[in-house]
Amino acid sequence: MMRDTILCLCDLTGVMARPWVEHGYQAVLVDPQHGCDHEDGAYLKLACTIEEAFDQISVLVRSGRLAFVAGFPPCTDMAVSGAQWFARKYEADHMFQAKAVSVAEQCRVIGEMSGVPYMVENPVSVLSRVFGKPSHTFDPCDYTAYEPLDNYTKKTCLWTGGDSRCRLLTGIVSGT
């Protein structure tokens, strides 16, 4: 079976999937902000939460077609850059951070269960207390040669796993 599909969780834009699609892969993007489930060329966009997509994700994992999993859990309730608002958020919802971490954990667990290389991305956040030290860190400006609009600093963390993760992630960044 050919591994010809990537899964991007909490991914509205599909930017991560674009180089894969340009190299012949199919992409499944899961994000409730898609509005409605639809196909857009090589992209299948599922308008649901990860939890709501579990059955479809399970079918994809069992198909043997999955090549890579990327998770981009929302950082709004986890990034240390927003810590000044945590107390107010806590007063409104004592579980706000637990809910946010739960989505990140769903990304990590799906990556682990998939048996393929995976990554979970988030800026410096409370995830380091949950997942441990990130596997990799970078600032968008480190890759300005690839995307001139990314000429800013925002320390970003990747927690990675699966087979050949370093070789694969290096290939993604370098475009090979």
Protein backbone atom coordinates (compact mmCIF):
# COMPACT_ATOMS: atom_id res chain seq x y z
CA MET A 1 0.00 0.00 0.00
CA MET A 2 1.32 3.40 -0.91
CA ARG A 3 1.51 5.98 1.88
CA ASP A 4 0.05 8.90 -0.04
CA THR A 5 -1.93 10.90 2.51
CA ILE A 6 -1.10 13.31 5.32
CA LEU A 7 -3.38 14.26 8.19
CA CYS A 8 -3.35 17.82 9.55
CA LEU A 9 -5.26 18.38 12.77
CA CYS A 10 -6.53 21.81 13.85
CA ASP A 11 -5.54 23.09 10.43
CA LEU A 12 -7.71 25.64 8.70
CA THR A 13 -5.23 26.98 6.14
CA GLY A 14 -3.54 23.88 4.75
CA VAL A 15 -0.22 25.74 4.53
CA MET A 16 1.64 22.78 6.07
CA ALA A 17 0.05 20.40 3.58
CA ARG A 18 0.80 22.49 0.50
CA PRO A 19 4.35 21.16 -0.20
CA TRP A 20 3.11 17.61 0.32
CA VAL A 21 0.22 18.11 -2.10
CA GLU A 22 2.61 19.68 -4.62
CA HIS A 23 4.57 16.40 -4.43
CA GLY A 24 1.51 14.22 -5.11
CA TYR A 25 0.10 13.56 -1.64
CA GLN A 26 -3.52 13.84 -0.58
CA ALA A 27 -4.25 15.90 2.55
CA VAL A 28 -6.98 15.53 5.14
CA LEU A 29 -7.46 18.72 7.17
CA VAL A 30 -9.55 18.59 10.34
CA ASP A 31 -10.83 21.90 11.72
CA PRO A 32 -14.34 22.99 12.69
CA GLN A 33 -13.69 26.35 11.02
CA HIS A 34 -13.96 24.74 7.55
CA GLY A 35 -17.71 25.41 7.73
CA CYS A 36 -18.75 22.20 6.00
CA ASP A 37 -17.02 19.00 4.90
CA HIS A 38 -15.78 19.34 1.35
CA GLU A 39 -13.10 18.29 -1.10
CA ASP A 40 -10.90 20.95 -2.63
CA GLY A 41 -8.63 19.25 -5.15
CA ALA A 42 -6.20 17.04 -3.23
CA TYR A 43 -7.55 18.35 0.10
CA LEU A 44 -10.38 16.78 2.08
CA LYS A 45 -11.49 19.40 4.59
CA LEU A 46 -13.46 18.05 7.54
CA ALA A 47 -15.44 20.69 9.41
CA CYS A 48 -15.36 19.11 12.85
CA THR A 49 -13.33 18.71 15.99
CA ILE A 50 -10.73 15.99 16.26
CA GLU A 51 -13.04 14.07 18.57
CA GLU A 52 -15.88 14.28 16.04
CA ALA A 53 -13.50 13.03 13.31
CA PHE A 54 -12.21 10.02 15.30
CA ASP A 55 -14.08 7.48 13.14
CA GLN A 56 -12.78 8.95 9.88
CA ILE A 57 -9.27 9.27 11.29
CA SER A 58 -9.36 5.66 12.46
CA VAL A 59 -10.34 4.49 8.96
CA LEU A 60 -7.47 6.52 7.50
CA VAL A 61 -4.94 5.09 9.96
CA ARG A 62 -6.09 1.51 9.32
CA SER A 63 -5.97 2.03 5.53
CA GLY A 64 -2.16 2.11 5.59
CA ARG A 65 -2.17 5.20 3.34
CA LEU A 66 -1.14 7.65 6.06
CA ALA A 67 2.40 9.06 5.67
CA PHE A 68 2.52 11.88 8.23
CA VAL A 69 0.45 13.56 10.96
CA ALA A 70 0.73 17.23 11.93
CA GLY A 71 -1.15 18.79 14.83
CA PHE A 72 -1.61 22.52 15.35
CA PRO A 73 -3.69 22.79 18.52
CA PRO A 74 -4.89 26.34 19.20
CA CYS A 75 -2.38 28.18 21.38
CA THR A 76 -4.73 30.88 22.69
CA ASP A 77 -5.21 29.23 26.08
CA MET A 78 -1.72 27.72 26.41
CA ALA A 79 0.96 30.09 25.06
CA VAL A 80 2.98 31.86 27.73
CA SER A 81 2.67 35.05 25.67
CA GLY A 82 -0.96 35.15 26.81
CA ALA A 83 -0.33 34.29 30.46
CA GLN A 84 -1.44 37.76 31.55
CA TRP A 85 -5.02 36.76 30.61
CA PHE A 86 -4.97 33.30 32.24
CA ALA A 87 -6.47 34.47 35.57
CA ARG A 88 -9.43 36.12 33.83
CA LYS A 89 -9.95 33.07 31.63
CA TYR A 90 -9.78 30.83 34.70
CA GLU A 91 -12.53 32.84 36.38
CA ALA A 92 -14.75 32.41 33.32
CA ASP A 93 -13.95 28.68 32.94
CA HIS A 94 -11.86 26.77 35.47
CA MET A 95 -11.22 24.12 32.82
CA PHE A 96 -10.07 26.42 30.00
CA GLN A 97 -6.49 25.16 30.02
CA ALA A 98 -7.41 21.52 30.58
CA LYS A 99 -9.66 21.72 27.52
CA ALA A 100 -6.88 23.27 25.43
CA VAL A 101 -4.33 20.68 26.57
CA SER A 102 -6.85 17.94 25.79
CA VAL A 103 -6.94 19.01 22.14
CA ALA A 104 -3.12 18.98 22.01
CA GLU A 105 -3.11 15.53 23.61
CA GLN A 106 -5.56 14.31 20.96
CA CYS A 107 -3.07 15.45 18.31
CA ARG A 108 -0.20 13.67 20.08
CA VAL A 109 -2.14 10.44 20.65
CA ILE A 110 -3.30 10.26 17.03
CA GLY A 111 0.30 10.81 15.94
CA GLU A 112 1.48 8.01 18.24
CA MET A 113 -1.25 5.57 17.25
CA SER A 114 -0.75 6.25 13.54
CA GLY A 115 2.65 4.55 13.48
CA VAL A 116 4.00 7.24 11.12
CA PRO A 117 6.15 10.32 11.74
CA TYR A 118 4.24 13.10 13.43
CA MET A 119 4.61 16.50 15.02
CA VAL A 120 2.60 18.69 17.36
CA GLU A 121 3.35 22.42 17.02
CA ASN A 122 2.77 25.21 19.53
CA PRO A 123 4.62 28.34 20.62
CA VAL A 124 6.30 28.25 24.02
CA SER A 125 3.39 27.15 26.18
CA VAL A 126 2.15 25.07 29.05
CA LEU A 127 2.58 22.01 26.81
CA SER A 128 6.18 21.69 27.97
CA ARG A 129 4.79 20.82 31.41
CA VAL A 130 2.56 18.18 29.83
CA PHE A 131 4.62 16.77 26.93
CA GLY A 132 8.07 17.53 28.31
CA LYS A 133 10.85 19.35 26.53
CA PRO A 134 10.10 19.87 22.82
CA SER A 135 12.04 17.87 20.25
CA HIS A 136 12.80 21.00 18.22
CA THR A 137 12.39 24.77 18.53
CA PHE A 138 12.61 27.51 15.92
CA ASP A 139 11.60 31.08 15.17
CA PRO A 140 9.73 31.84 11.92
CA CYS A 141 12.53 34.27 10.96
CA ASP A 142 14.86 31.23 10.77
CA TYR A 143 13.07 30.40 7.51
CA THR A 144 12.63 33.85 6.00
CA ALA A 145 14.43 32.63 2.87
CA TYR A 146 11.45 30.33 2.25
CA GLU A 147 8.76 32.84 3.25
CA PRO A 148 9.75 36.52 3.44
CA LEU A 149 6.58 37.37 5.40
CA ASP A 150 7.80 35.17 8.28
CA ASN A 151 10.51 37.63 9.27
CA TYR A 152 9.59 37.77 12.97
CA THR A 153 10.51 35.99 16.18
CA LYS A 154 8.08 33.72 18.01
CA LYS A 155 9.79 30.75 19.57
CA THR A 156 7.85 27.77 18.34
CA CYS A 157 8.10 24.22 19.63
CA LEU A 158 7.70 20.88 17.89
CA TRP A 159 7.09 17.65 19.73
CA THR A 160 7.81 14.85 17.28
CA GLY A 161 7.56 11.09 17.15
CA GLY A 162 7.23 8.14 14.84
CA ASP A 163 9.82 6.51 12.63
CA SER A 164 12.52 8.56 10.91
CA ARG A 165 11.19 11.75 12.47
CA CYS A 166 14.38 13.78 12.22
CA ARG A 167 15.06 12.84 8.59
CA LEU A 168 11.47 13.52 7.62
CA LEU A 169 11.21 16.87 9.40
CA THR A 170 14.53 17.96 7.93
CA GLY A 171 13.18 17.08 4.49
CA ILE A 172 10.03 19.10 5.07
CA VAL A 173 11.95 22.19 6.13
CA SER A 174 14.49 21.93 3.30
CA GLY A 175 11.87 21.07 0.68
CA THR A 176 13.42 17.74 -0.30
